Amino acid sequence: MKTIETATLEHWVKTGLKFVLVDTLPRQTFDEGHLPGAINIVSDEILTRASVEIPDRHVTVVVYCASAACQRAGLSAERLKSLGYTDIHHYLAGKRGWVTSGHALERA
């Protein structure tokens, strides 16, 4: 698993690079605000939902949670790897890092 920095993720979002951004936080937290274009798959549901939500196991996947202290995204990345996903990136800064860097969240 690779990590990704805020500047790189911002560039990917702005340029329309093809990747799947996964918010691993609970649905209510996702609805209150998430990174632009993110889908919500709670970390505990990755094993059962990933193959439906992300059928291409070779697409670039970026997982994140609340902040660097949150463990949900790391667990999700490991679970995705166990399912055969090949290009997984962990956005360690999470939602807090995105907002701290001056970026807006989307609301459901």
Protein backbone atom coordinates (compact mmCIF):
# COMPACT_ATOMS: atom_id res chain seq x y z
CA MET A 1 0.00 0.00 0.00
CA LYS A 2 1.19 3.47 -0.87
CA THR A 3 0.47 6.74 0.89
CA ILE A 4 -0.67 9.90 -0.84
CA GLU A 5 -0.18 13.52 0.19
CA THR A 6 -2.78 16.29 0.06
CA ALA A 7 -1.16 18.09 -2.88
CA THR A 8 -1.13 14.93 -4.98
CA LEU A 9 -4.72 14.07 -4.13
CA GLU A 10 -5.80 17.63 -4.92
CA HIS A 11 -4.06 17.35 -8.31
CA TRP A 12 -5.77 14.04 -9.04
CA VAL A 13 -9.18 15.52 -8.19
CA LYS A 14 -8.62 18.70 -10.25
CA THR A 15 -7.29 16.89 -13.32
CA GLY A 16 -9.99 14.23 -13.34
CA LEU A 17 -7.61 11.31 -12.95
CA LYS A 18 -9.51 8.03 -12.84
CA PHE A 19 -9.52 6.69 -9.28
CA VAL A 20 -11.99 5.66 -6.61
CA LEU A 21 -11.95 7.70 -3.41
CA VAL A 22 -13.33 5.79 -0.42
CA ASP A 23 -14.45 7.41 2.82
CA THR A 24 -14.30 4.65 5.46
CA LEU A 25 -16.18 6.53 8.17
CA PRO A 26 -19.76 5.81 9.33
CA ARG A 27 -22.57 6.94 6.99
CA GLN A 28 -23.70 9.81 9.21
CA THR A 29 -20.17 11.25 9.28
CA PHE A 30 -19.93 10.84 5.49
CA ASP A 31 -23.25 12.66 5.03
CA GLU A 32 -22.03 15.57 7.17
CA GLY A 33 -19.09 16.10 4.82
CA HIS A 34 -16.66 14.12 2.69
CA LEU A 35 -13.92 14.72 0.14
CA PRO A 36 -15.20 15.60 -3.35
CA GLY A 37 -16.29 12.56 -5.33
CA ALA A 38 -15.86 10.08 -2.48
CA ILE A 39 -18.01 7.01 -2.03
CA ASN A 40 -18.78 5.66 1.42
CA ILE A 41 -17.81 2.14 2.40
CA VAL A 42 -17.46 1.77 6.14
CA SER A 43 -14.27 -0.11 7.03
CA ASP A 44 -16.24 -2.96 8.60
CA GLU A 45 -18.13 -3.45 5.30
CA ILE A 46 -15.15 -3.42 2.92
CA LEU A 47 -14.99 -7.20 2.62
CA THR A 48 -18.66 -7.51 1.66
CA ARG A 49 -19.19 -4.35 -0.41
CA ALA A 50 -15.92 -3.66 -2.23
CA SER A 51 -16.47 -6.12 -5.09
CA VAL A 52 -19.86 -4.52 -5.84
CA GLU A 53 -18.85 -0.88 -5.36
CA ILE A 54 -15.38 -1.23 -6.95
CA PRO A 55 -15.56 -4.11 -9.44
CA ASP A 56 -12.22 -3.31 -11.16
CA ARG A 57 -9.50 -4.67 -8.88
CA HIS A 58 -6.84 -2.80 -10.88
CA VAL A 59 -8.31 0.70 -10.60
CA THR A 60 -6.49 3.14 -8.34
CA VAL A 61 -8.21 3.27 -4.95
CA VAL A 62 -7.59 5.97 -2.33
CA VAL A 63 -8.91 5.31 1.18
CA TYR A 64 -9.19 7.84 3.98
CA CYS A 65 -10.83 8.42 7.34
CA ALA A 66 -10.96 11.29 9.84
CA SER A 67 -7.26 11.99 10.43
CA ALA A 68 -3.83 10.41 10.76
CA ALA A 69 -4.87 9.03 14.16
CA CYS A 70 -7.83 7.15 12.67
CA GLN A 71 -7.21 3.47 11.86
CA ARG A 72 -10.23 2.76 9.65
CA ALA A 73 -8.54 3.61 6.35
CA GLY A 74 -5.46 1.52 7.11
CA LEU A 75 -7.63 -1.47 7.98
CA SER A 76 -9.66 -0.92 4.81
CA ALA A 77 -6.51 -0.78 2.69
CA GLU A 78 -5.32 -4.09 4.13
CA ARG A 79 -8.73 -5.65 3.50
CA LEU A 80 -8.76 -4.39 -0.09
CA LYS A 81 -5.32 -5.88 -0.60
CA SER A 82 -6.58 -9.24 0.72
CA LEU A 83 -9.38 -9.07 -1.87
CA GLY A 84 -6.87 -8.66 -4.70
CA TYR A 85 -6.94 -4.90 -5.29
CA THR A 86 -3.58 -3.91 -6.73
CA ASP A 87 -3.27 -0.10 -6.56
CA ILE A 88 -4.27 1.13 -3.11
CA HIS A 89 -3.29 4.49 -1.65
CA HIS A 90 -3.85 5.62 1.94
CA TYR A 91 -4.54 9.33 2.39
CA LEU A 92 -3.14 9.55 5.91
CA ALA A 93 -4.15 13.18 6.57
CA GLY A 94 -7.81 12.24 6.12
CA LYS A 95 -10.73 14.58 6.24
CA ARG A 96 -9.06 16.80 8.83
CA GLY A 97 -5.96 17.26 6.68
CA TRP A 98 -8.07 18.08 3.62
CA VAL A 99 -9.99 20.80 5.49
CA THR A 100 -6.87 22.13 7.24
CA SER A 101 -5.30 22.59 3.81
CA GLY A 102 -8.16 24.89 2.85
CA HIS A 103 -10.22 22.47 0.77
CA ALA A 104 -13.99 22.16 0.97
CA LEU A 105 -16.02 19.08 1.74
CA GLU A 106 -19.08 17.87 -0.14
CA ARG A 107 -22.28 17.13 1.69
CA ALA A 108 -24.71 14.34 0.90
